Amino acid sequence: MIVELTVPQIGFNDEELYKLCMANPDLPIERDELGRIIIMPPNGLESSYYNSDLLTDVNIWNRKNKLGRVTDSNGGYTLPDTSMRAPDVAWISNERISQTTPEDQKRFIHACPDFVIELLSESDYLV
């Protein structure tokens, strides 16, 4: 499926970013601290194996301890610098979740995860 993506501006606010993501559900989209849109390429299968293992391990730990929630690379976090990132694996404490609204949790939560894992795959680069 080919998705047409038109990005006519730089500096997407939260609502515009959400609408862009909803209009392009097959694209993993993030926003940097300057409001620029980043389209993330898919991982290779080998990286996906590692991501799956990491997500499983953190989720098992969390199920035993019941201290928060675990998200995968589809869970978006709006950070204090206004960037919106979706880490490969993230854990957010119940305490931080309780400081947000249910409406905020349905979109890209305005909170920092307490723990993040980003796996460097072959399609990634360090900045």
PDB file of N, CA and C in Angstrom:
ATOM      1  N   MET A   1       0.832  -1.171   0.000  1.00  0.00           N
ATOM      2  CA  MET A   1       0.000   0.000   0.000  1.00  0.00           C
ATOM      3  C   MET A   1       0.884   1.244   0.000  1.00  0.00           C
ATOM      4  N   ILE A   2       0.630   2.159  -0.891  1.00  0.00           N
ATOM      5  CA  ILE A   2       1.381   3.411  -0.954  1.00  0.00           C
ATOM      6  C   ILE A   2       0.564   4.475  -0.246  1.00  0.00           C
ATOM      7  N   VAL A   3       1.211   5.184   0.663  1.00  0.00           N
ATOM      8  CA  VAL A   3       0.551   6.246   1.415  1.00  0.00           C
ATOM      9  C   VAL A   3       1.122   7.570   0.960  1.00  0.00           C
ATOM     10  N   GLU A   4       0.244   8.485   0.554  1.00  0.00           N
ATOM     11  CA  GLU A   4       0.702   9.817   0.181  1.00  0.00           C
ATOM     12  C   GLU A   4       0.870  10.644   1.426  1.00  0.00           C
ATOM     13  N   LEU A   5       2.028  11.213   1.593  1.00  0.00           N
ATOM     14  CA  LEU A   5       2.312  12.028   2.760  1.00  0.00           C
ATOM     15  C   LEU A   5       2.721  13.415   2.301  1.00  0.00           C
ATOM     16  N   THR A   6       1.950  14.392   2.679  1.00  0.00           N
ATOM     17  CA  THR A   6       2.270  15.772   2.363  1.00  0.00           C
ATOM     18  C   THR A   6       2.588  16.485   3.664  1.00  0.00           C
ATOM     19  N   VAL A   7       3.779  17.027   3.756  1.00  0.00           N
ATOM     20  CA  VAL A   7       4.205  17.762   4.945  1.00  0.00           C
ATOM     21  C   VAL A   7       4.487  19.192   4.514  1.00  0.00           C
ATOM     22  N   PRO A   8       3.468  20.089   4.610  1.00  0.00           N
ATOM     23  CA  PRO A   8       3.626  21.437   4.083  1.00  0.00           C
ATOM     24  C   PRO A   8       4.318  22.418   5.017  1.00  0.00           C
ATOM     25  N   GLN A   9       4.720  21.980   6.190  1.00  0.00           N
ATOM     26  CA  GLN A   9       5.254  22.930   7.165  1.00  0.00           C
ATOM     27  C   GLN A   9       6.267  22.262   8.069  1.00  0.00           C
ATOM     28  N   ILE A  10       6.974  23.090   8.802  1.00  0.00           N
ATOM     29  CA  ILE A  10       7.854  22.622   9.862  1.00  0.00           C
ATOM     30  C   ILE A  10       7.269  23.170  11.155  1.00  0.00           C
ATOM     31  N   GLY A  11       7.317  22.425  12.204  1.00  0.00           N
ATOM     32  CA  GLY A  11       6.825  22.894  13.482  1.00  0.00           C
ATOM     33  C   GLY A  11       5.421  22.419  13.788  1.00  0.00           C
ATOM     34  N   PHE A  12       5.154  21.147  13.668  1.00  0.00           N
ATOM     35  CA  PHE A  12       3.844  20.580  13.949  1.00  0.00           C
ATOM     36  C   PHE A  12       3.539  20.651  15.439  1.00  0.00           C
ATOM     37  N   ASN A  13       2.371  21.186  15.786  1.00  0.00           N
ATOM     38  CA  ASN A  13       1.952  21.152  17.189  1.00  0.00           C
ATOM     39  C   ASN A  13       1.364  19.777  17.493  1.00  0.00           C
ATOM     40  N   ASP A  14       0.959  19.535  18.730  1.00  0.00           N
ATOM     41  CA  ASP A  14       0.477  18.214  19.139  1.00  0.00           C
ATOM     42  C   ASP A  14      -0.725  17.756  18.315  1.00  0.00           C
ATOM     43  N   GLU A  15      -1.684  18.636  18.111  1.00  0.00           N
ATOM     44  CA  GLU A  15      -2.899  18.264  17.372  1.00  0.00           C
ATOM     45  C   GLU A  15      -2.585  17.958  15.914  1.00  0.00           C
ATOM     46  N   GLU A  16      -1.745  18.780  15.280  1.00  0.00           N
ATOM     47  CA  GLU A  16      -1.376  18.550  13.890  1.00  0.00           C
ATOM     48  C   GLU A  16      -0.595  17.246  13.739  1.00  0.00           C
ATOM     49  N   LEU A  17       0.293  16.985  14.684  1.00  0.00           N
ATOM     50  CA  LEU A  17       1.054  15.741  14.647  1.00  0.00           C
ATOM     51  C   LEU A  17       0.124  14.539  14.779  1.00  0.00           C
ATOM     52  N   TYR A  18      -0.810  14.613  15.706  1.00  0.00           N
ATOM     53  CA  TYR A  18      -1.756  13.513  15.899  1.00  0.00           C
ATOM     54  C   TYR A  18      -2.563  13.271  14.620  1.00  0.00           C
ATOM     55  N   LYS A  19      -3.043  14.327  13.997  1.00  0.00           N
ATOM     56  CA  LYS A  19      -3.816  14.183  12.759  1.00  0.00           C
ATOM     57  C   LYS A  19      -2.967  13.586  11.643  1.00  0.00           C
ATOM     58  N   LEU A  20      -1.708  14.024  11.546  1.00  0.00           N
ATOM     59  CA  LEU A  20      -0.807  13.466  10.537  1.00  0.00           C
ATOM     60  C   LEU A  20      -0.608  11.964  10.756  1.00  0.00           C
ATOM     61  N   CYS A  21      -0.405  11.568  11.997  1.00  0.00           N
ATOM     62  CA  CYS A  21      -0.213  10.150  12.306  1.00  0.00           C
ATOM     63  C   CYS A  21      -1.470   9.339  12.014  1.00  0.00           C
ATOM     64  N   MET A  22      -2.632   9.879  12.344  1.00  0.00           N
ATOM     65  CA  MET A  22      -3.889   9.171  12.096  1.00  0.00           C
ATOM     66  C   MET A  22      -4.183   9.066  10.597  1.00  0.00           C
ATOM     67  N   ALA A  23      -3.747  10.048   9.821  1.00  0.00           N
ATOM     68  CA  ALA A  23      -3.953  10.015   8.375  1.00  0.00           C
ATOM     69  C   ALA A  23      -2.977   9.069   7.680  1.00  0.00           C
ATOM     70  N   ASN A  24      -1.905   8.690   8.378  1.00  0.00           N
ATOM     71  CA  ASN A  24      -0.865   7.821   7.810  1.00  0.00           C
ATOM     72  C   ASN A  24      -0.532   6.701   8.791  1.00  0.00           C
ATOM     73  N   PRO A  25      -1.497   5.834   9.088  1.00  0.00           N
ATOM     74  CA  PRO A  25      -1.297   4.835  10.150  1.00  0.00           C
ATOM     75  C   PRO A  25      -0.217   3.797   9.862  1.00  0.00           C
ATOM     76  N   ASP A  26       0.187   3.665   8.627  1.00  0.00           N
ATOM     77  CA  ASP A  26       1.222   2.683   8.288  1.00  0.00           C
ATOM     78  C   ASP A  26       2.633   3.234   8.414  1.00  0.00           C
ATOM     79  N   LEU A  27       2.762   4.521   8.734  1.00  0.00           N
ATOM     80  CA  LEU A  27       4.078   5.135   8.848  1.00  0.00           C
ATOM     81  C   LEU A  27       4.431   5.382  10.305  1.00  0.00           C
ATOM     82  N   PRO A  28       5.590   4.912  10.748  1.00  0.00           N
ATOM     83  CA  PRO A  28       6.049   5.247  12.099  1.00  0.00           C
ATOM     84  C   PRO A  28       6.638   6.658  12.105  1.00  0.00           C
ATOM     85  N   ILE A  29       5.890   7.595  12.666  1.00  0.00           N
ATOM     86  CA  ILE A  29       6.248   9.009  12.625  1.00  0.00           C
ATOM     87  C   ILE A  29       6.649   9.476  14.020  1.00  0.00           C
ATOM     88  N   GLU A  30       7.716  10.261  14.083  1.00  0.00           N
ATOM     89  CA  GLU A  30       8.128  10.926  15.317  1.00  0.00           C
ATOM     90  C   GLU A  30       8.313  12.411  15.013  1.00  0.00           C
ATOM     91  N   ARG A  31       8.472  13.220  16.066  1.00  0.00           N
ATOM     92  CA  ARG A  31       8.729  14.652  15.918  1.00  0.00           C
ATOM     93  C   ARG A  31       9.933  15.003  16.779  1.00  0.00           C
ATOM     94  N   ASP A  32      10.867  15.775  16.210  1.00  0.00           N
ATOM     95  CA  ASP A  32      12.015  16.191  17.016  1.00  0.00           C
ATOM     96  C   ASP A  32      11.675  17.454  17.796  1.00  0.00           C
ATOM     97  N   GLU A  33      12.632  17.938  18.574  1.00  0.00           N
ATOM     98  CA  GLU A  33      12.388  19.081  19.453  1.00  0.00           C
ATOM     99  C   GLU A  33      12.156  20.386  18.693  1.00  0.00           C
ATOM    100  N   LEU A  34      12.474  20.420  17.399  1.00  0.00           N
ATOM    101  CA  LEU A  34      12.224  21.604  16.575  1.00  0.00           C
ATOM    102  C   LEU A  34      10.897  21.511  15.822  1.00  0.00           C
ATOM    103  N   GLY A  35      10.176  20.414  16.035  1.00  0.00           N
ATOM    104  CA  GLY A  35       8.902  20.222  15.364  1.00  0.00           C
ATOM    105  C   GLY A  35       9.007  19.541  14.020  1.00  0.00           C
ATOM    106  N   ARG A  36      10.214  19.130  13.646  1.00  0.00           N
ATOM    107  CA  ARG A  36      10.400  18.470  12.356  1.00  0.00           C
ATOM    108  C   ARG A  36       9.912  17.028  12.441  1.00  0.00           C
ATOM    109  N   ILE A  37       9.314  16.574  11.359  1.00  0.00           N
ATOM    110  CA  ILE A  37       8.763  15.224  11.286  1.00  0.00           C
ATOM    111  C   ILE A  37       9.866  14.248  10.872  1.00  0.00           C
ATOM    112  N   ILE A  38       9.892  13.110  11.537  1.00  0.00           N
ATOM    113  CA  ILE A  38      10.855  12.049  11.246  1.00  0.00           C
ATOM    114  C   ILE A  38      10.051  10.799  10.919  1.00  0.00           C
ATOM    115  N   ILE A  39      10.282  10.233   9.758  1.00  0.00           N
ATOM    116  CA  ILE A  39       9.639   8.971   9.387  1.00  0.00           C
ATOM    117  C   ILE A  39      10.673   7.879   9.569  1.00  0.00           C
ATOM    118  N   MET A  40      10.353   6.946  10.452  1.00  0.00           N
ATOM    119  CA  MET A  40      11.299   5.896  10.820  1.00  0.00           C
ATOM    120  C   MET A  40      11.191   4.716   9.848  1.00  0.00           C
ATOM    121  N   PRO A  41      12.311   4.246   9.322  1.00  0.00           N
ATOM    122  CA  PRO A  41      12.255   3.074   8.446  1.00  0.00           C
ATOM    123  C   PRO A  41      11.992   1.814   9.274  1.00  0.00           C
ATOM    124  N   PRO A  42      11.414   0.798   8.658  1.00  0.00           N
ATOM    125  CA  PRO A  42      11.199  -0.453   9.402  1.00  0.00           C
ATOM    126  C   PRO A  42      12.528  -1.131   9.709  1.00  0.00           C
ATOM    127  N   ASN A  43      12.512  -1.966  10.733  1.00  0.00           N
ATOM    128  CA  ASN A  43      13.700  -2.735  11.110  1.00  0.00           C
ATOM    129  C   ASN A  43      13.816  -3.982  10.255  1.00  0.00           C
ATOM    130  N   GLY A  44      15.033  -4.492  10.181  1.00  0.00           N
ATOM    131  CA  GLY A  44      15.224  -5.802   9.585  1.00  0.00           C
ATOM    132  C   GLY A  44      14.713  -6.865  10.542  1.00  0.00           C
ATOM    133  N   LEU A  45      14.569  -8.049  10.060  1.00  0.00           N
ATOM    134  CA  LEU A  45      14.016  -9.136  10.873  1.00  0.00           C
ATOM    135  C   LEU A  45      14.883  -9.435  12.090  1.00  0.00           C
ATOM    136  N   GLU A  46      16.211  -9.386  11.928  1.00  0.00           N
ATOM    137  CA  GLU A  46      17.105  -9.670  13.050  1.00  0.00           C
ATOM    138  C   GLU A  46      16.896  -8.666  14.185  1.00  0.00           C
ATOM    139  N   SER A  47      16.802  -7.382  13.848  1.00  0.00           N
ATOM    140  CA  SER A  47      16.536  -6.362  14.870  1.00  0.00           C
ATOM    141  C   SER A  47      15.185  -6.581  15.525  1.00  0.00           C
ATOM    142  N   SER A  48      14.216  -7.001  14.735  1.00  0.00           N
ATOM    143  CA  SER A  48      12.888  -7.272  15.277  1.00  0.00           C
ATOM    144  C   SER A  48      12.926  -8.412  16.293  1.00  0.00           C
ATOM    145  N   TYR A  49      13.756  -9.416  16.060  1.00  0.00           N
ATOM    146  CA  TYR A  49      13.914 -10.509  17.034  1.00  0.00           C
ATOM    147  C   TYR A  49      14.401  -9.945  18.373  1.00  0.00           C
ATOM    148  N   TYR A  50      15.436  -9.097  18.308  1.00  0.00           N
ATOM    149  CA  TYR A  50      16.003  -8.521  19.528  1.00  0.00           C
ATOM    150  C   TYR A  50      14.986  -7.623  20.244  1.00  0.00           C
ATOM    151  N   ASN A  51      14.295  -6.790  19.467  1.00  0.00           N
ATOM    152  CA  ASN A  51      13.274  -5.920  20.066  1.00  0.00           C
ATOM    153  C   ASN A  51      12.204  -6.744  20.775  1.00  0.00           C
ATOM    154  N   SER A  52      11.782  -7.803  20.137  1.00  0.00           N
ATOM    155  CA  SER A  52      10.753  -8.665  20.728  1.00  0.00           C
ATOM    156  C   SER A  52      11.223  -9.282  22.034  1.00  0.00           C
ATOM    157  N   ASP A  53      12.472  -9.746  22.054  1.00  0.00           N
ATOM    158  CA  ASP A  53      13.031 -10.325  23.280  1.00  0.00           C
ATOM    159  C   ASP A  53      13.101  -9.288  24.399  1.00  0.00           C
ATOM    160  N   LEU A  54      13.559  -8.087  24.067  1.00  0.00           N
ATOM    161  CA  LEU A  54      13.664  -7.023  25.071  1.00  0.00           C
ATOM    162  C   LEU A  54      12.286  -6.643  25.616  1.00  0.00           C
ATOM    163  N   LEU A  55      11.327  -6.497  24.735  1.00  0.00           N
ATOM    164  CA  LEU A  55       9.971  -6.151  25.148  1.00  0.00           C
ATOM    165  C   LEU A  55       9.394  -7.242  26.056  1.00  0.00           C
ATOM    166  N   THR A  56       9.608  -8.486  25.689  1.00  0.00           N
ATOM    167  CA  THR A  56       9.116  -9.606  26.496  1.00  0.00           C
ATOM    168  C   THR A  56       9.741  -9.595  27.885  1.00  0.00           C
ATOM    169  N   ASP A  57      11.061  -9.403  27.962  1.00  0.00           N
ATOM    170  CA  ASP A  57      11.747  -9.410  29.255  1.00  0.00           C
ATOM    171  C   ASP A  57      11.246  -8.296  30.173  1.00  0.00           C
ATOM    172  N   VAL A  58      11.105  -7.087  29.623  1.00  0.00           N
ATOM    173  CA  VAL A  58      10.636  -5.967  30.444  1.00  0.00           C
ATOM    174  C   VAL A  58       9.182  -6.193  30.853  1.00  0.00           C
ATOM    175  N   ASN A  59       8.384  -6.719  29.962  1.00  0.00           N
ATOM    176  CA  ASN A  59       6.976  -6.975  30.274  1.00  0.00           C
ATOM    177  C   ASN A  59       6.825  -8.046  31.354  1.00  0.00           C
ATOM    178  N   ILE A  60       7.617  -9.092  31.290  1.00  0.00           N
ATOM    179  CA  ILE A  60       7.573 -10.135  32.327  1.00  0.00           C
ATOM    180  C   ILE A  60       7.961  -9.543  33.679  1.00  0.00           C
ATOM    181  N   TRP A  61       9.024  -8.727  33.701  1.00  0.00           N
ATOM    182  CA  TRP A  61       9.425  -8.072  34.946  1.00  0.00           C
ATOM    183  C   TRP A  61       8.283  -7.217  35.491  1.00  0.00           C
ATOM    184  N   ASN A  62       7.647  -6.446  34.604  1.00  0.00           N
ATOM    185  CA  ASN A  62       6.568  -5.560  35.032  1.00  0.00           C
ATOM    186  C   ASN A  62       5.347  -6.337  35.519  1.00  0.00           C
ATOM    187  N   ARG A  63       5.031  -7.441  34.884  1.00  0.00           N
ATOM    188  CA  ARG A  63       3.877  -8.238  35.330  1.00  0.00           C
ATOM    189  C   ARG A  63       4.097  -8.792  36.725  1.00  0.00           C
ATOM    190  N   LYS A  64       5.335  -9.130  37.037  1.00  0.00           N
ATOM    191  CA  LYS A  64       5.642  -9.623  38.387  1.00  0.00           C
ATOM    192  C   LYS A  64       5.532  -8.520  39.421  1.00  0.00           C
ATOM    193  N   ASN A  65       5.995  -7.317  39.073  1.00  0.00           N
ATOM    194  CA  ASN A  65       6.077  -6.216  40.033  1.00  0.00           C
ATOM    195  C   ASN A  65       4.878  -5.275  40.030  1.00  0.00           C
ATOM    196  N   LYS A  66       4.155  -5.214  38.909  1.00  0.00           N
ATOM    197  CA  LYS A  66       2.957  -4.373  38.787  1.00  0.00           C
ATOM    198  C   LYS A  66       3.201  -2.917  39.187  1.00  0.00           C
ATOM    199  N   LEU A  67       4.335  -2.378  38.760  1.00  0.00           N
ATOM    200  CA  LEU A  67       4.711  -1.014  39.145  1.00  0.00           C
ATOM    201  C   LEU A  67       4.425   0.032  38.067  1.00  0.00           C
ATOM    202  N   GLY A  68       3.994  -0.404  36.888  1.00  0.00           N
ATOM    203  CA  GLY A  68       3.766   0.545  35.801  1.00  0.00           C
ATOM    204  C   GLY A  68       3.261  -0.172  34.568  1.00  0.00           C
ATOM    205  N   ARG A  69       3.559   0.423  33.415  1.00  0.00           N
ATOM    206  CA  ARG A  69       3.143  -0.140  32.133  1.00  0.00           C
ATOM    207  C   ARG A  69       4.333  -0.160  31.174  1.00  0.00           C
ATOM    208  N   VAL A  70       4.295  -1.099  30.241  1.00  0.00           N
ATOM    209  CA  VAL A  70       5.340  -1.253  29.233  1.00  0.00           C
ATOM    210  C   VAL A  70       4.738  -0.914  27.877  1.00  0.00           C
ATOM    211  N   THR A  71       5.480  -0.141  27.081  1.00  0.00           N
ATOM    212  CA  THR A  71       5.030   0.172  25.730  1.00  0.00           C
ATOM    213  C   THR A  71       6.075  -0.267  24.712  1.00  0.00           C
ATOM    214  N   ASP A  72       5.573  -0.536  23.508  1.00  0.00           N
ATOM    215  CA  ASP A  72       6.470  -0.893  22.413  1.00  0.00           C
ATOM    216  C   ASP A  72       6.700   0.330  21.538  1.00  0.00           C
ATOM    217  N   SER A  73       7.234   0.118  20.355  1.00  0.00           N
ATOM    218  CA  SER A  73       7.600   1.230  19.482  1.00  0.00           C
ATOM    219  C   SER A  73       6.398   1.946  18.877  1.00  0.00           C
ATOM    220  N   ASN A  74       5.192   1.534  19.242  1.00  0.00           N
ATOM    221  CA  ASN A  74       3.994   2.244  18.800  1.00  0.00           C
ATOM    222  C   ASN A  74       3.489   3.229  19.843  1.00  0.00           C
ATOM    223  N   GLY A  75       4.105   3.242  21.029  1.00  0.00           N
ATOM    224  CA  GLY A  75       3.667   4.136  22.099  1.00  0.00           C
ATOM    225  C   GLY A  75       4.424   5.447  22.049  1.00  0.00           C
ATOM    226  N   GLY A  76       3.714   6.540  21.778  1.00  0.00           N
ATOM    227  CA  GLY A  76       4.356   7.837  21.653  1.00  0.00           C
ATOM    228  C   GLY A  76       4.367   8.621  22.944  1.00  0.00           C
ATOM    229  N   TYR A  77       5.498   9.242  23.244  1.00  0.00           N
ATOM    230  CA  TYR A  77       5.687  10.077  24.427  1.00  0.00           C
ATOM    231  C   TYR A  77       6.041  11.491  23.985  1.00  0.00           C
ATOM    232  N   THR A  78       5.260  12.479  24.412  1.00  0.00           N
ATOM    233  CA  THR A  78       5.597  13.874  24.166  1.00  0.00           C
ATOM    234  C   THR A  78       6.459  14.330  25.336  1.00  0.00           C
ATOM    235  N   LEU A  79       7.682  14.702  25.032  1.00  0.00           N
ATOM    236  CA  LEU A  79       8.676  15.034  26.052  1.00  0.00           C
ATOM    237  C   LEU A  79       8.678  16.528  26.354  1.00  0.00           C
ATOM    238  N   PRO A  80       9.296  16.942  27.455  1.00  0.00           N
ATOM    239  CA  PRO A  80       9.305  18.367  27.825  1.00  0.00           C
ATOM    240  C   PRO A  80       9.869  19.295  26.746  1.00  0.00           C
ATOM    241  N   ASP A  81      10.759  18.799  25.880  1.00  0.00           N
ATOM    242  CA  ASP A  81      11.303  19.652  24.814  1.00  0.00           C
ATOM    243  C   ASP A  81      10.379  19.717  23.594  1.00  0.00           C
ATOM    244  N   THR A  82       9.177  19.158  23.707  1.00  0.00           N
ATOM    245  CA  THR A  82       8.106  19.087  22.694  1.00  0.00           C
ATOM    246  C   THR A  82       8.324  18.002  21.640  1.00  0.00           C
ATOM    247  N   SER A  83       9.438  17.289  21.690  1.00  0.00           N
ATOM    248  CA  SER A  83       9.595  16.179  20.753  1.00  0.00           C
ATOM    249  C   SER A  83       8.602  15.083  21.126  1.00  0.00           C
ATOM    250  N   MET A  84       8.248  14.262  20.145  1.00  0.00           N
ATOM    251  CA  MET A  84       7.410  13.093  20.396  1.00  0.00           C
ATOM    252  C   MET A  84       8.200  11.895  19.889  1.00  0.00           C
ATOM    253  N   ARG A  85       8.523  11.022  20.799  1.00  0.00           N
ATOM    254  CA  ARG A  85       9.333   9.848  20.465  1.00  0.00           C
ATOM    255  C   ARG A  85       8.598   8.574  20.847  1.00  0.00           C
ATOM    256  N   ALA A  86       8.904   7.534  20.111  1.00  0.00           N
ATOM    257  CA  ALA A  86       8.323   6.221  20.364  1.00  0.00           C
ATOM    258  C   ALA A  86       9.471   5.220  20.493  1.00  0.00           C
ATOM    259  N   PRO A  87       9.993   5.034  21.705  1.00  0.00           N
ATOM    260  CA  PRO A  87      11.138   4.136  21.886  1.00  0.00           C
ATOM    261  C   PRO A  87      10.773   2.682  21.612  1.00  0.00           C
ATOM    262  N   ASP A  88      11.793   1.896  21.299  1.00  0.00           N
ATOM    263  CA  ASP A  88      11.571   0.473  21.031  1.00  0.00           C
ATOM    264  C   ASP A  88      10.862  -0.202  22.202  1.00  0.00           C
ATOM    265  N   VAL A  89      11.337   0.065  23.405  1.00  0.00           N
ATOM    266  CA  VAL A  89      10.725  -0.447  24.632  1.00  0.00           C
ATOM    267  C   VAL A  89      10.778   0.672  25.661  1.00  0.00           C
ATOM    268  N   ALA A  90       9.673   0.889  26.355  1.00  0.00           N
ATOM    269  CA  ALA A  90       9.666   1.886  27.423  1.00  0.00           C
ATOM    270  C   ALA A  90       8.838   1.365  28.583  1.00  0.00           C
ATOM    271  N   TRP A  91       9.234   1.775  29.773  1.00  0.00           N
ATOM    272  CA  TRP A  91       8.468   1.476  30.982  1.00  0.00           C
ATOM    273  C   TRP A  91       8.152   2.799  31.653  1.00  0.00           C
ATOM    274  N   ILE A  92       6.882   2.978  32.015  1.00  0.00           N
ATOM    275  CA  ILE A  92       6.454   4.180  32.710  1.00  0.00           C
ATOM    276  C   ILE A  92       5.758   3.772  33.996  1.00  0.00           C
ATOM    277  N   SER A  93       6.127   4.409  35.086  1.00  0.00           N
ATOM    278  CA  SER A  93       5.613   4.045  36.406  1.00  0.00           C
ATOM    279  C   SER A  93       4.143   4.425  36.551  1.00  0.00           C
ATOM    280  N   ASN A  94       3.463   3.702  37.426  1.00  0.00           N
ATOM    281  CA  ASN A  94       2.078   4.033  37.741  1.00  0.00           C
ATOM    282  C   ASN A  94       1.965   5.466  38.258  1.00  0.00           C
ATOM    283  N   GLU A  95       2.983   5.900  39.006  1.00  0.00           N
ATOM    284  CA  GLU A  95       2.979   7.262  39.539  1.00  0.00           C
ATOM    285  C   GLU A  95       2.949   8.301  38.419  1.00  0.00           C
ATOM    286  N   ARG A  96       3.791   8.123  37.410  1.00  0.00           N
ATOM    287  CA  ARG A  96       3.802   9.079  36.292  1.00  0.00           C
ATOM    288  C   ARG A  96       2.499   9.007  35.499  1.00  0.00           C
ATOM    289  N   ILE A  97       1.998   7.794  35.297  1.00  0.00           N
ATOM    290  CA  ILE A  97       0.737   7.647  34.557  1.00  0.00           C
ATOM    291  C   ILE A  97      -0.387   8.369  35.290  1.00  0.00           C
ATOM    292  N   SER A  98      -0.407   8.262  36.615  1.00  0.00           N
ATOM    293  CA  SER A  98      -1.479   8.885  37.395  1.00  0.00           C
ATOM    294  C   SER A  98      -1.447  10.411  37.334  1.00  0.00           C
ATOM    295  N   GLN A  99      -0.342  10.982  36.890  1.00  0.00           N
ATOM    296  CA  GLN A  99      -0.219  12.436  36.772  1.00  0.00           C
ATOM    297  C   GLN A  99      -0.716  12.946  35.419  1.00  0.00           C
ATOM    298  N   THR A 100      -1.239  12.046  34.595  1.00  0.00           N
ATOM    299  CA  THR A 100      -1.772  12.426  33.284  1.00  0.00           C
ATOM    300  C   THR A 100      -3.262  12.114  33.243  1.00  0.00           C
ATOM    301  N   THR A 101      -3.920  12.657  32.237  1.00  0.00           N
ATOM    302  CA  THR A 101      -5.355  12.422  32.097  1.00  0.00           C
ATOM    303  C   THR A 101      -5.616  11.217  31.195  1.00  0.00           C
ATOM    304  N   PRO A 102      -6.773  10.593  31.334  1.00  0.00           N
ATOM    305  CA  PRO A 102      -7.117   9.495  30.415  1.00  0.00           C
ATOM    306  C   PRO A 102      -7.103   9.949  28.951  1.00  0.00           C
ATOM    307  N   GLU A 103      -7.495  11.182  28.688  1.00  0.00           N
ATOM    308  CA  GLU A 103      -7.485  11.707  27.310  1.00  0.00           C
ATOM    309  C   GLU A 103      -6.051  11.788  26.782  1.00  0.00           C
ATOM    310  N   ASP A 104      -5.129  12.236  27.636  1.00  0.00           N
ATOM    311  CA  ASP A 104      -3.723  12.337  27.244  1.00  0.00           C
ATOM    312  C   ASP A 104      -3.160  10.960  26.917  1.00  0.00           C
ATOM    313  N   GLN A 105      -3.585   9.952  27.658  1.00  0.00           N
ATOM    314  CA  GLN A 105      -3.081   8.598  27.451  1.00  0.00           C
ATOM    315  C   GLN A 105      -3.604   7.973  26.158  1.00  0.00           C
ATOM    316  N   LYS A 106      -4.648   8.524  25.589  1.00  0.00           N
ATOM    317  CA  LYS A 106      -5.184   8.003  24.325  1.00  0.00           C
ATOM    318  C   LYS A 106      -4.412   8.519  23.123  1.00  0.00           C
ATOM    319  N   ARG A 107      -3.578   9.530  23.342  1.00  0.00           N
ATOM    320  CA  ARG A 107      -2.782  10.092  22.254  1.00  0.00           C
ATOM    321  C   ARG A 107      -1.308   9.845  22.554  1.00  0.00           C
ATOM    322  N   PHE A 108      -0.505  10.876  22.478  1.00  0.00           N
ATOM    323  CA  PHE A 108       0.921  10.762  22.778  1.00  0.00           C
ATOM    324  C   PHE A 108       1.119  11.392  24.150  1.00  0.00           C
ATOM    325  N   ILE A 109       1.184  10.552  25.152  1.00  0.00           N
ATOM    326  CA  ILE A 109       1.184  10.982  26.548  1.00  0.00           C
ATOM    327  C   ILE A 109       2.263  12.036  26.797  1.00  0.00           C
ATOM    328  N   HIS A 110       1.912  13.060  27.550  1.00  0.00           N
ATOM    329  CA  HIS A 110       2.858  14.120  27.915  1.00  0.00           C
ATOM    330  C   HIS A 110       3.566  13.701  29.199  1.00  0.00           C
ATOM    331  N   ALA A 111       4.535  12.825  29.049  1.00  0.00           N
ATOM    332  CA  ALA A 111       5.304  12.300  30.178  1.00  0.00           C
ATOM    333  C   ALA A 111       6.565  11.645  29.644  1.00  0.00           C
ATOM    334  N   CYS A 112       7.575  11.599  30.505  1.00  0.00           N
ATOM    335  CA  CYS A 112       8.809  10.885  30.173  1.00  0.00           C
ATOM    336  C   CYS A 112       8.710   9.476  30.734  1.00  0.00           C
ATOM    337  N   PRO A 113       9.044   8.487  29.933  1.00  0.00           N
ATOM    338  CA  PRO A 113       9.114   7.148  30.505  1.00  0.00           C
ATOM    339  C   PRO A 113      10.227   7.098  31.554  1.00  0.00           C
ATOM    340  N   ASP A 114      10.094   6.194  32.514  1.00  0.00           N
ATOM    341  CA  ASP A 114      11.116   6.046  33.547  1.00  0.00           C
ATOM    342  C   ASP A 114      12.303   5.233  33.043  1.00  0.00           C
ATOM    343  N   PHE A 115      12.062   4.395  32.038  1.00  0.00           N
ATOM    344  CA  PHE A 115      13.102   3.505  31.516  1.00  0.00           C
ATOM    345  C   PHE A 115      12.852   3.335  30.023  1.00  0.00           C
ATOM    346  N   VAL A 116      13.918   3.419  29.228  1.00  0.00           N
ATOM    347  CA  VAL A 116      13.809   3.318  27.773  1.00  0.00           C
ATOM    348  C   VAL A 116      14.902   2.411  27.240  1.00  0.00           C
ATOM    349  N   ILE A 117      14.554   1.603  26.251  1.00  0.00           N
ATOM    350  CA  ILE A 117      15.545   0.829  25.495  1.00  0.00           C
ATOM    351  C   ILE A 117      15.376   1.200  24.024  1.00  0.00           C
ATOM    352  N   GLU A 118      16.454   1.639  23.421  1.00  0.00           N
ATOM    353  CA  GLU A 118      16.510   1.886  21.986  1.00  0.00           C
ATOM    354  C   GLU A 118      17.549   0.953  21.415  1.00  0.00           C
ATOM    355  N   LEU A 119      17.138   0.085  20.550  1.00  0.00           N
ATOM    356  CA  LEU A 119      18.053  -0.866  19.933  1.00  0.00           C
ATOM    357  C   LEU A 119      18.552  -0.271  18.618  1.00  0.00           C
ATOM    358  N   LEU A 120      19.854  -0.151  18.480  1.00  0.00           N
ATOM    359  CA  LEU A 120      20.445   0.380  17.258  1.00  0.00           C
ATOM    360  C   LEU A 120      20.406  -0.704  16.186  1.00  0.00           C
ATOM    361  N   SER A 121      19.536  -0.507  15.191  1.00  0.00           N
ATOM    362  CA  SER A 121      19.455  -1.474  14.102  1.00  0.00           C
ATOM    363  C   SER A 121      20.254  -0.952  12.915  1.00  0.00           C
ATOM    364  N   GLU A 122      20.358  -1.758  11.888  1.00  0.00           N
ATOM    365  CA  GLU A 122      21.187  -1.370  10.745  1.00  0.00           C
ATOM    366  C   GLU A 122      20.639  -0.164   9.994  1.00  0.00           C
ATOM    367  N   SER A 123      19.332   0.108  10.130  1.00  0.00           N
ATOM    368  CA  SER A 123      18.758   1.266   9.445  1.00  0.00           C
ATOM    369  C   SER A 123      18.889   2.540  10.288  1.00  0.00           C
ATOM    370  N   ASP A 124      19.404   2.445  11.511  1.00  0.00           N
ATOM    371  CA  ASP A 124      19.556   3.591  12.406  1.00  0.00           C
ATOM    372  C   ASP A 124      20.952   4.180  12.286  1.00  0.00           C
ATOM    373  N   TYR A 125      21.082   5.387  12.826  1.00  0.00           N
ATOM    374  CA  TYR A 125      22.392   6.034  12.876  1.00  0.00           C
ATOM    375  C   TYR A 125      22.460   6.836  14.180  1.00  0.00           C
ATOM    376  N   LEU A 126      23.665   7.003  14.691  1.00  0.00           N
ATOM    377  CA  LEU A 126      23.874   7.812  15.892  1.00  0.00           C
ATOM    378  C   LEU A 126      24.029   9.263  15.495  1.00  0.00           C
ATOM    379  N   VAL A 127      23.441  10.152  16.283  1.00  0.00           N
ATOM    380  CA  VAL A 127      23.591  11.581  15.998  1.00  0.00           C
ATOM    381  C   VAL A 127      24.398  12.232  17.089  1.00  0.00           C
TER     382      VAL A 127
END
